[in-house]
Structure formats: C-alpha cells, structure tokens
C-alpha atoms as a PDB file:
ATOM      1  CA  MET A   1      83.902 127.753  95.136  1.00  0.00           C
ATOM      2  CA  SER A   2      84.137 124.208  96.470  1.00  0.00           C
ATOM      3  CA  ILE A   3      84.045 121.203  94.160  1.00  0.00           C
ATOM      4  CA  ILE A   4      80.611 120.122  95.398  1.00  0.00           C
ATOM      5  CA  SER A   5      78.977 123.548  95.031  1.00  0.00           C
ATOM      6  CA  GLN A   6      80.534 124.021  91.593  1.00  0.00           C
ATOM      7  CA  ASN A   7      79.381 120.583  90.461  1.00  0.00           C
ATOM      8  CA  ILE A   8      75.809 121.116  91.655  1.00  0.00           C
ATOM      9  CA  LYS A   9      75.566 124.429  89.813  1.00  0.00           C
ATOM     10  CA  PHE A  10      77.136 123.101  86.599  1.00  0.00           C
ATOM     11  CA  LEU A  11      75.061 119.905  86.473  1.00  0.00           C
ATOM     12  CA  ARG A  12      71.828 121.738  87.244  1.00  0.00           C
ATOM     13  CA  LYS A  13      72.419 124.240  84.436  1.00  0.00           C
ATOM     14  CA  LYS A  14      73.477 121.470  82.064  1.00  0.00           C
ATOM     15  CA  LYS A  15      70.164 119.770  82.803  1.00  0.00           C
ATOM     16  CA  GLY A  16      68.424 123.032  81.877  1.00  0.00           C
ATOM     17  CA  ILE A  17      66.391 123.428  85.051  1.00  0.00           C
ATOM     18  CA  THR A  18      65.905 126.283  87.520  1.00  0.00           C
ATOM     19  CA  GLN A  19      66.819 126.166  91.191  1.00  0.00           C
ATOM     20  CA  GLN A  20      63.113 125.800  92.023  1.00  0.00           C
ATOM     21  CA  GLN A  21      62.651 122.885  89.598  1.00  0.00           C
ATOM     22  CA  PHE A  22      65.767 121.227  90.990  1.00  0.00           C
ATOM     23  CA  ALA A  23      64.564 121.745  94.567  1.00  0.00           C
ATOM     24  CA  ASP A  24      61.184 120.209  93.684  1.00  0.00           C
ATOM     25  CA  ASP A  25      62.867 117.185  92.089  1.00  0.00           C
ATOM     26  CA  MET A  26      65.056 116.618  95.164  1.00  0.00           C
ATOM     27  CA  GLY A  27      62.331 117.385  97.708  1.00  0.00           C
ATOM     28  CA  ILE A  28      64.225 120.251  99.348  1.00  0.00           C
ATOM     29  CA  LYS A  29      63.732 124.016  99.714  1.00  0.00           C
ATOM     30  CA  ARG A  30      64.899 126.319  96.917  1.00  0.00           C
ATOM     31  CA  SER A  31      66.869 128.358  99.467  1.00  0.00           C
ATOM     32  CA  LEU A  32      68.934 125.252 100.221  1.00  0.00           C
ATOM     33  CA  VAL A  33      69.845 124.888  96.543  1.00  0.00           C
ATOM     34  CA  GLY A  34      71.117 128.468  96.576  1.00  0.00           C
ATOM     35  CA  ALA A  35      73.073 127.822  99.776  1.00  0.00           C
ATOM     36  CA  TYR A  36      74.699 124.741  98.264  1.00  0.00           C
ATOM     37  CA  GLU A  37      75.627 126.483  95.018  1.00  0.00           C
ATOM     38  CA  GLU A  38      76.982 129.556  96.822  1.00  0.00           C
ATOM     39  CA  GLU A  39      79.028 127.422  99.265  1.00  0.00           C
ATOM     40  CA  ARG A  40      77.061 128.612 102.291  1.00  0.00           C
ATOM     41  CA  ALA A  41      76.169 125.027 103.211  1.00  0.00           C
ATOM     42  CA  GLU A  42      77.122 121.474 102.269  1.00  0.00           C
ATOM     43  CA  PRO A  43      74.667 118.645 101.563  1.00  0.00           C
ATOM     44  CA  LYS A  44      74.533 115.787 104.057  1.00  0.00           C
ATOM     45  CA  TYR A  45      75.820 112.435 102.881  1.00  0.00           C
ATOM     46  CA  GLU A  46      72.381 110.951 102.215  1.00  0.00           C
ATOM     47  CA  LEU A  47      71.520 113.907  99.964  1.00  0.00           C
ATOM     48  CA  LEU A  48      74.908 113.625  98.231  1.00  0.00           C
ATOM     49  CA  LYS A  49      74.060 110.034  97.322  1.00  0.00           C
ATOM     50  CA  ALA A  50      70.670 111.143  95.998  1.00  0.00           C
ATOM     51  CA  LEU A  51      72.311 113.917  93.958  1.00  0.00           C
ATOM     52  CA  ALA A  52      74.798 111.483  92.421  1.00  0.00           C
ATOM     53  CA  ILE A  53      71.933 109.187  91.410  1.00  0.00           C
ATOM     54  CA  TYR A  54      69.920 112.141  90.070  1.00  0.00           C
ATOM     55  CA  PHE A  55      72.800 113.300  87.854  1.00  0.00           C
ATOM     56  CA  ASP A  56      73.791 109.690  86.979  1.00  0.00           C
ATOM     57  CA  ILE A  57      77.418 109.907  88.144  1.00  0.00           C
ATOM     58  CA  SER A  58      79.383 108.130  90.856  1.00  0.00           C
ATOM     59  CA  ILE A  59      79.430 109.778  94.265  1.00  0.00           C
ATOM     60  CA  ASP A  60      83.242 109.563  94.197  1.00  0.00           C
ATOM     61  CA  ASP A  61      83.371 111.713  91.042  1.00  0.00           C
ATOM     62  CA  PHE A  62      80.663 114.018  92.366  1.00  0.00           C
ATOM     63  CA  ILE A  63      82.605 115.005  95.504  1.00  0.00           C
ATOM     64  CA  ASN A  64      86.182 114.714  94.232  1.00  0.00           C
ATOM     65  CA  GLU A  65      86.206 115.703  90.550  1.00  0.00           C
ATOM     66  CA  THR A  66      85.652 119.117  88.968  1.00  0.00           C
ATOM     67  CA  ILE A  67      82.830 118.379  86.548  1.00  0.00           C
ATOM     68  CA  ASN A  68      82.720 120.611  83.479  1.00  0.00           C
ATOM     69  CA  GLU A  69      82.429 120.319  79.686  1.00  0.00           C
ATOM     70  CA  LYS A  70      85.813 118.581  79.501  1.00  0.00           C
ATOM     71  CA  TRP A  71      85.038 116.074  82.261  1.00  0.00           C
ATOM     72  CA  ALA A  72      84.508 112.392  81.499  1.00  0.00           C
ATOM     73  CA  PRO A  73      83.760 109.586  83.997  1.00  0.00           C
ATOM     74  CA  LYS A  74      86.722 107.408  84.900  1.00  0.00           C
ATOM     75  CA  PRO A  75      86.823 103.724  83.945  1.00  0.00           C
ATOM     76  CA  LYS A  76      85.875 101.396  86.767  1.00  0.00           C
ATOM     77  CA  GLY A  77      87.169  97.975  87.663  1.00  0.00           C
ATOM     78  CA  ASN A  78      85.567  94.745  86.536  1.00  0.00           C
ATOM     79  CA  PRO A  79      81.789  95.230  86.870  1.00  0.00           C
ATOM     80  CA  ALA A  80      81.571  91.790  88.466  1.00  0.00           C
ATOM     81  CA  ASN A  81      83.656  93.115  91.364  1.00  0.00           C
ATOM     82  CA  LEU A  82      81.748  96.372  91.871  1.00  0.00           C
ATOM     83  CA  ARG A  83      79.375  96.245  94.830  1.00  0.00           C
ATOM     84  CA  ILE A  84      77.187  98.657  96.737  1.00  0.00           C
ATOM     85  CA  LEU A  85      79.123  99.802  99.798  1.00  0.00           C
ATOM     86  CA  SER A  86      77.338  99.439 103.116  1.00  0.00           C
ATOM     87  CA  ILE A  87      77.719 102.432 105.451  1.00  0.00           C
ATOM     88  CA  SER A  88      76.125 103.876 108.583  1.00  0.00           C
ATOM     89  CA  VAL A  89      75.627 107.407 109.909  1.00  0.00           C
ATOM     90  CA  ASP A  90      75.362 108.901 113.402  1.00  0.00           C
ATOM     91  CA  LYS A  91      72.496 110.970 114.826  1.00  0.00           C
ATOM     92  CA  GLU A  92      73.839 114.119 113.159  1.00  0.00           C
ATOM     93  CA  ASP A  93      74.002 112.400 109.757  1.00  0.00           C
ATOM     94  CA  ASN A  94      77.805 112.177 109.839  1.00  0.00           C
ATOM     95  CA  GLU A  95      79.080 109.061 108.104  1.00  0.00           C
ATOM     96  CA  ASN A  96      80.664 106.668 110.597  1.00  0.00           C
ATOM     97  CA  ILE A  97      84.064 105.059 110.271  1.00  0.00           C
ATOM     98  CA  GLU A  98      83.432 101.355 110.815  1.00  0.00           C
ATOM     99  CA  MET A  99      86.325  99.455 112.354  1.00  0.00           C
ATOM    100  CA  VAL A 100      87.273  95.925 111.309  1.00  0.00           C
ATOM    101  CA  PRO A 101      89.180  94.362 114.245  1.00  0.00           C
ATOM    102  CA  LEU A 102      91.407  91.332 113.723  1.00  0.00           C
ATOM    103  CA  LYS A 103      88.780  88.976 115.123  1.00  0.00           C
ATOM    104  CA  ALA A 104      86.302  90.194 112.479  1.00  0.00           C
ATOM    105  CA  SER A 105      88.712  90.027 109.517  1.00  0.00           C
ATOM    106  CA  ALA A 106      87.656  86.539 108.429  1.00  0.00           C
ATOM    107  CA  GLY A 107      83.966  87.387 108.641  1.00  0.00           C
ATOM    108  CA  TYR A 108      84.535  90.595 106.701  1.00  0.00           C
ATOM    109  CA  LEU A 109      85.243  88.611 103.516  1.00  0.00           C
ATOM    110  CA  ASN A 110      81.649  87.383 103.531  1.00  0.00           C
ATOM    111  CA  GLY A 111      79.979  90.343 105.210  1.00  0.00           C
ATOM    112  CA  TYR A 112      81.698  93.422 103.769  1.00  0.00           C
ATOM    113  CA  ALA A 113      78.679  94.144 101.527  1.00  0.00           C
ATOM    114  CA  ASP A 114      76.069  93.040 104.081  1.00  0.00           C
ATOM    115  CA  PRO A 115      74.443  96.032 105.864  1.00  0.00           C
ATOM    116  CA  GLU A 116      73.617  93.880 108.907  1.00  0.00           C
ATOM    117  CA  PHE A 117      77.237  92.737 109.286  1.00  0.00           C
ATOM    118  CA  VAL A 118      78.596  96.258 108.825  1.00  0.00           C
ATOM    119  CA  ALA A 119      76.075  97.623 111.352  1.00  0.00           C
ATOM    120  CA  GLN A 120      77.521  95.306 114.023  1.00  0.00           C
ATOM    121  CA  LEU A 121      81.090  96.583 113.584  1.00  0.00           C
ATOM    122  CA  PRO A 122      82.522  99.087 116.104  1.00  0.00           C
ATOM    123  CA  LYS A 123      82.236 102.607 114.738  1.00  0.00           C
ATOM    124  CA  PHE A 124      83.466 106.110 115.426  1.00  0.00           C
ATOM    125  CA  TYR A 125      83.636 109.542 113.796  1.00  0.00           C
ATOM    126  CA  LEU A 126      86.642 111.780 113.109  1.00  0.00           C
ATOM    127  CA  PRO A 127      85.854 115.326 111.921  1.00  0.00           C
ATOM    128  CA  MET A 128      89.016 115.586 109.786  1.00  0.00           C
ATOM    129  CA  PHE A 129      87.623 112.864 107.492  1.00  0.00           C
ATOM    130  CA  LYS A 130      84.552 114.645 106.130  1.00  0.00           C
ATOM    131  CA  GLN A 131      84.367 113.789 102.437  1.00  0.00           C
ATOM    132  CA  GLY A 132      84.532 110.234 101.189  1.00  0.00           C
ATOM    133  CA  THR A 133      83.844 106.903 102.856  1.00  0.00           C
ATOM    134  CA  TYR A 134      86.335 105.621 105.412  1.00  0.00           C
ATOM    135  CA  ARG A 135      86.913 102.370 107.253  1.00  0.00           C
ATOM    136  CA  ALA A 136      89.449 101.381 109.901  1.00  0.00           C
ATOM    137  CA  PHE A 137      91.319  98.069 109.777  1.00  0.00           C
ATOM    138  CA  GLU A 138      93.381  96.524 112.571  1.00  0.00           C
ATOM    139  CA  ILE A 139      96.437  94.894 111.025  1.00  0.00           C
ATOM    140  CA  LYS A 140      98.685  92.028 112.053  1.00  0.00           C
ATOM    141  CA  GLY A 141     102.301  91.082 111.400  1.00  0.00           C
ATOM    142  CA  ASP A 142     105.456  93.132 110.895  1.00  0.00           C
ATOM    143  CA  SER A 143     105.558  93.315 107.095  1.00  0.00           C
ATOM    144  CA  MET A 144     104.909  97.072 107.063  1.00  0.00           C
ATOM    145  CA  LEU A 145     107.263  98.350 109.759  1.00  0.00           C
ATOM    146  CA  PRO A 146     107.166 100.755 111.535  1.00  0.00           C
ATOM    147  CA  ILE A 147     103.424  99.925 111.453  1.00  0.00           C
ATOM    148  CA  VAL A 148     103.089  96.904 113.750  1.00  0.00           C
ATOM    149  CA  SER A 149     100.472  94.347 114.779  1.00  0.00           C
ATOM    150  CA  GLY A 150      97.555  95.979 116.530  1.00  0.00           C
ATOM    151  CA  ASP A 151      97.937  99.328 114.763  1.00  0.00           C
ATOM    152  CA  ILE A 152      94.828 100.586 112.998  1.00  0.00           C
ATOM    153  CA  ILE A 153      94.900 101.894 109.428  1.00  0.00           C
ATOM    154  CA  ILE A 154      92.225 104.442 108.506  1.00  0.00           C
ATOM    155  CA  ALA A 155      91.547 104.186 104.781  1.00  0.00           C
ATOM    156  CA  GLU A 156      89.262 105.758 102.179  1.00  0.00           C
ATOM    157  CA  TYR A 157      87.135 103.606  99.893  1.00  0.00           C
ATOM    158  CA  LEU A 158      88.518 103.482  96.343  1.00  0.00           C
ATOM    159  CA  GLU A 159      85.636 103.110  93.927  1.00  0.00           C
ATOM    160  CA  ASN A 160      87.682 103.393  90.734  1.00  0.00           C
ATOM    161  CA  TRP A 161      90.524 100.878  90.828  1.00  0.00           C
ATOM    162  CA  ALA A 162      92.164 102.673  87.910  1.00  0.00           C
ATOM    163  CA  ASP A 163      93.055 105.359  90.496  1.00  0.00           C
ATOM    164  CA  VAL A 164      95.555 103.047  92.226  1.00  0.00           C
ATOM    165  CA  LYS A 165      98.918 104.841  92.420  1.00  0.00           C
ATOM    166  CA  PRO A 166     102.053 102.669  92.445  1.00  0.00           C
ATOM    167  CA  GLY A 167     104.214 103.195  95.493  1.00  0.00           C
ATOM    168  CA  GLU A 168     101.367 104.230  97.806  1.00  0.00           C
ATOM    169  CA  THR A 169      99.820 102.134 100.581  1.00  0.00           C
ATOM    170  CA  TYR A 170      96.386 100.499 100.539  1.00  0.00           C
ATOM    171  CA  ILE A 171      94.215  98.053 102.394  1.00  0.00           C
ATOM    172  CA  VAL A 172      93.484  95.305  99.859  1.00  0.00           C
ATOM    173  CA  ILE A 173      90.642  92.864 100.480  1.00  0.00           C
ATOM    174  CA  SER A 174      91.018  89.658  98.440  1.00  0.00           C
ATOM    175  CA  LYS A 175      89.470  86.196  98.458  1.00  0.00           C
ATOM    176  CA  ASP A 176      92.707  84.346  99.309  1.00  0.00           C
ATOM    177  CA  ASP A 177      94.657  86.845 101.451  1.00  0.00           C
ATOM    178  CA  GLY A 178      91.786  88.490 103.287  1.00  0.00           C
ATOM    179  CA  VAL A 179      92.617  91.908 104.741  1.00  0.00           C
ATOM    180  CA  VAL A 180      96.205  93.043 104.058  1.00  0.00           C
ATOM    181  CA  TYR A 181      97.970  96.382 104.311  1.00  0.00           C
ATOM    182  CA  LYS A 182     100.553  96.715 101.534  1.00  0.00           C
ATOM    183  CA  ARG A 183     102.232  99.084  99.143  1.00  0.00           C
ATOM    184  CA  ILE A 184     100.948  98.543  95.594  1.00  0.00           C
ATOM    185  CA  GLY A 185     103.727  98.169  93.053  1.00  0.00           C
ATOM    186  CA  ASN A 186     101.921  98.575  89.729  1.00  0.00           C
ATOM    187  CA  LYS A 187      98.984 100.212  87.950  1.00  0.00           C
ATOM    188  CA  PHE A 188      95.846  98.101  88.114  1.00  0.00           C
ATOM    189  CA  LYS A 189      95.063  97.686  84.403  1.00  0.00           C
ATOM    190  CA  ASP A 190      92.319  95.536  82.899  1.00  0.00           C
ATOM    191  CA  ASN A 191      91.831  93.754  86.226  1.00  0.00           C
ATOM    192  CA  LYS A 192      94.998  91.706  85.774  1.00  0.00           C
ATOM    193  CA  LYS A 193      97.719  91.084  88.344  1.00  0.00           C
ATOM    194  CA  LEU A 194      98.161  93.373  91.347  1.00  0.00           C
ATOM    195  CA  LYS A 195     101.665  93.515  92.850  1.00  0.00           C
ATOM    196  CA  LEU A 196     101.794  93.857  96.654  1.00  0.00           C
ATOM    197  CA  VAL A 197     105.005  95.080  98.294  1.00  0.00           C
ATOM    198  CA  SER A 198     105.993  95.062 101.981  1.00  0.00           C
ATOM    199  CA  ASP A 199     108.017  97.869 103.559  1.00  0.00           C
ATOM    200  CA  ASN A 200     109.893  95.256 105.590  1.00  0.00           C
ATOM    201  CA  PRO A 201     112.551  93.894 103.161  1.00  0.00           C
ATOM    202  CA  VAL A 202     112.375  90.478 104.829  1.00  0.00           C
ATOM    203  CA  TYR A 203     109.110  89.879 102.954  1.00  0.00           C
ATOM    204  CA  GLU A 204     109.215  89.353  99.181  1.00  0.00           C
ATOM    205  CA  PRO A 205     106.728  91.141  96.891  1.00  0.00           C
ATOM    206  CA  TYR A 206     103.991  88.955  95.462  1.00  0.00           C
ATOM    207  CA  GLU A 207     101.093  89.182  93.021  1.00  0.00           C
ATOM    208  CA  ILE A 208      97.396  88.448  93.324  1.00  0.00           C
ATOM    209  CA  ASN A 209      94.844  87.972  90.551  1.00  0.00           C
ATOM    210  CA  GLY A 210      92.609  90.914  89.797  1.00  0.00           C
ATOM    211  CA  GLU A 211      89.466  88.791  89.842  1.00  0.00           C
ATOM    212  CA  ASP A 212      90.236  87.849  93.458  1.00  0.00           C
ATOM    213  CA  VAL A 213      90.190  91.471  94.667  1.00  0.00           C
ATOM    214  CA  LEU A 214      87.008  92.443  96.520  1.00  0.00           C
ATOM    215  CA  GLU A 215      87.761  95.957  97.787  1.00  0.00           C
ATOM    216  CA  ILE A 216      90.611  98.479  97.767  1.00  0.00           C
ATOM    217  CA  TRP A 217      90.959 101.221 100.397  1.00  0.00           C
ATOM    218  CA  LYS A 218      93.520 104.059 100.182  1.00  0.00           C
ATOM    219  CA  ALA A 219      95.461 104.485 103.447  1.00  0.00           C
ATOM    220  CA  LYS A 220      94.977 107.958 104.933  1.00  0.00           C
ATOM    221  CA  GLY A 221      96.284 107.647 108.491  1.00  0.00           C
ATOM    222  CA  PHE A 222      96.862 105.275 111.365  1.00  0.00           C
ATOM    223  CA  ILE A 223      96.260 104.915 115.102  1.00  0.00           C
ATOM    224  CA  SER A 224      98.924 103.309 117.270  1.00  0.00           C
ATOM    225  CA  THR A 225      99.350 102.685 120.996  1.00  0.00           C
ATOM    226  CA  GLN A 226     103.133 102.748 120.575  1.00  0.00           C
ATOM    227  CA  LEU A 227     104.334 106.311 121.033  1.00  0.00           C
ATOM    228  CA  PRO A 228     107.505 107.390 119.189  1.00  0.00           C
ATOM    229  CA  LYS A 229     110.734 107.265 121.186  1.00  0.00           C
ATOM    230  CA  PRO A 230     113.097 110.238 121.336  1.00  0.00           C
ATOM    231  CA  THR A 231     116.086 110.160 119.016  1.00  0.00           C
ATOM    232  CA  PRO A 232     119.183 109.291 121.092  1.00  0.00           C
ATOM    233  CA  GLU A 233     121.837 111.974 121.364  1.00  0.00           C
ATOM    234  CA  PRO A 234     124.957 111.225 119.299  1.00  0.00           C
ATOM    235  CA  THR A 235     127.889 109.749 121.201  1.00  0.00           C
ATOM    236  CA  MET A 236     131.584 110.324 120.550  1.00  0.00           C
ATOM    237  CA  GLU A 237     131.793 106.823 119.065  1.00  0.00           C
ATOM    238  CA  SER A 238     128.909 107.434 116.649  1.00  0.00           C
ATOM    239  CA  LEU A 239     130.346 110.810 115.583  1.00  0.00           C
ATOM    240  CA  THR A 240     133.760 109.221 114.996  1.00  0.00           C
ATOM    241  CA  ALA A 241     132.170 106.491 112.893  1.00  0.00           C
ATOM    242  CA  MET A 242     130.266 109.079 110.848  1.00  0.00           C
ATOM    243  CA  MET A 243     133.451 111.084 110.190  1.00  0.00           C
ATOM    244  CA  ALA A 244     135.303 107.926 109.161  1.00  0.00           C
ATOM    245  CA  GLN A 245     132.502 107.032 106.738  1.00  0.00           C
ATOM    246  CA  MET A 246     132.577 110.526 105.249  1.00  0.00           C
ATOM    247  CA  GLN A 247     136.347 110.323 104.787  1.00  0.00           C
ATOM    248  CA  ARG A 248     136.012 106.958 103.035  1.00  0.00           C
ATOM    249  CA  SER A 249     133.313 108.355 100.746  1.00  0.00           C
ATOM    250  CA  ILE A 250     135.453 111.382  99.843  1.00  0.00           C
ATOM    251  CA  SER A 251     138.467 109.151  99.236  1.00  0.00           C
ATOM    252  CA  ASN A 252     136.435 106.854  96.969  1.00  0.00           C
ATOM    253  CA  LEU A 253     135.121 109.883  95.080  1.00  0.00           C
ATOM    254  CA  HIS A 254     138.665 111.190  94.467  1.00  0.00           C
ATOM    255  CA  GLN A 255     139.806 107.773  93.258  1.00  0.00           C
ATOM    256  CA  SER A 256     136.919 107.460  90.815  1.00  0.00           C
ATOM    257  CA  ASN A 257     137.715 110.895  89.346  1.00  0.00           C
ATOM    258  CA  ASN A 258     141.419 110.075  88.780  1.00  0.00           C
END
C-alpha cells in the first residue's frame, strides 16, 4: 500500500467516519474513496491539499510520511519565515515546475510568494517528479563545479527546515544572497546560522543568518547543455606515472611499518 493510500485510510478511521461520510465531507464519490484507499487511484494535487487541510497536517507529511499511532508532526522553521507556496497546474491537473531564469532571480526575492509573479514564470512538467512541489533554478558562477553557469537545478520544496541534511545540496533563497546553489554544512537548528559550502575549493564556506532565509529547496536533478566528454584512453606516460606513484606508496608503507 502506498503512503498516501495508507494515510487516507488511517486518518479516516482515526476520525471515526465511514467512507461515505468522508466522501460527503470532501465532495467526492464514495467509490473514489475506496479507490484511493485500495491504491487503485491517486488524488490530484488540489484534492491532496484539501485532504491535508481536512486532517490538519502539512501536505509534505501527508504525502511523504507514514502516519500511524506513533507518528508526530515534525518541527517547522521560524513561523515568521513560513509562507504559503504559490504553484500552478496544467490542463490535466499536473503540478507545473516553474523555472526561475537568471534574469528573474532578483525579482524572485520579492515575488516568490506572489501568485501573479509565479504565474508569469516559464513552466514545464516532468513525469518523473510526481509527488512534492518542484521548481527549477538557473544558476551562475563556477562555485559548484562540475555544475556551471547556465545549468538548471531542479529542486523540491522543503517545508520543514529541520529536514536539512548536512553534506547534501540545496537551492537557498536568502535576503542578502538571493538564489544560490550550495552544499549545506550543518543542521539547521533553532533558525540560527546556516553554513553554505561550495564544491569548488577556491571558494571558502560562509554562514548566513537563519532569519534571512526565505526558502530552501532540495536539489533533485539538473539540466545542462554541456554533454559529458569521453574519458581519454591512458597513455604510456600516464601508466608509467601511475606505477611510479604506486611504488612510492608501497615504499612509504614499508618504511612506516619498520
């Protein structure tokens, strides 16, 4: 049973209502409730939002967490920083992936929560990203090589900032830095400092204040116009150098053991 179908069934029974009562409350057919609970169909995104509101839980927990008697909602970030996320859907009710190009990055700081601004962004749909809310960000600079300027990071909206995992990559939206793609170097506790680390060692890690963070998106993939180049075949010179290095390593190992 999928997480969504299991959660619908558990929460409905916990509420002490029948499938028919639940269907009446949600304004849908009882047969649909059965299809959802038996994993024969999945609710569209708009209904998922309504279900999350009905059961008084976050949509992130509703679609990603197994909700049972042991489940408890996760702590969120500073309530002052939590905002309603603006999204759009296509004609088939699939949630779009809005793209934030470089030229729109500055405006995104003011318009990221504005439905009219978000509606004007380029948008597309990728079937492999079905659950969750995704956005695409064009990045600049060479701080995250081999990702380069012009590459597009596809990222999933992170509602609970306590879910930040050190060592993984995120799009971080902040008041001072704007849109940046970085590796996060620490757990985000009590909305304090957030350490941002570049994969390119030329750039030093730095910290930003938690109260300056507007949004965090977990990187899930990227689009690049630069295709990978084939690995060059080893030459006699490179093989000789490798053998010499191995001999030096073995010699150093013997010396350290004597």
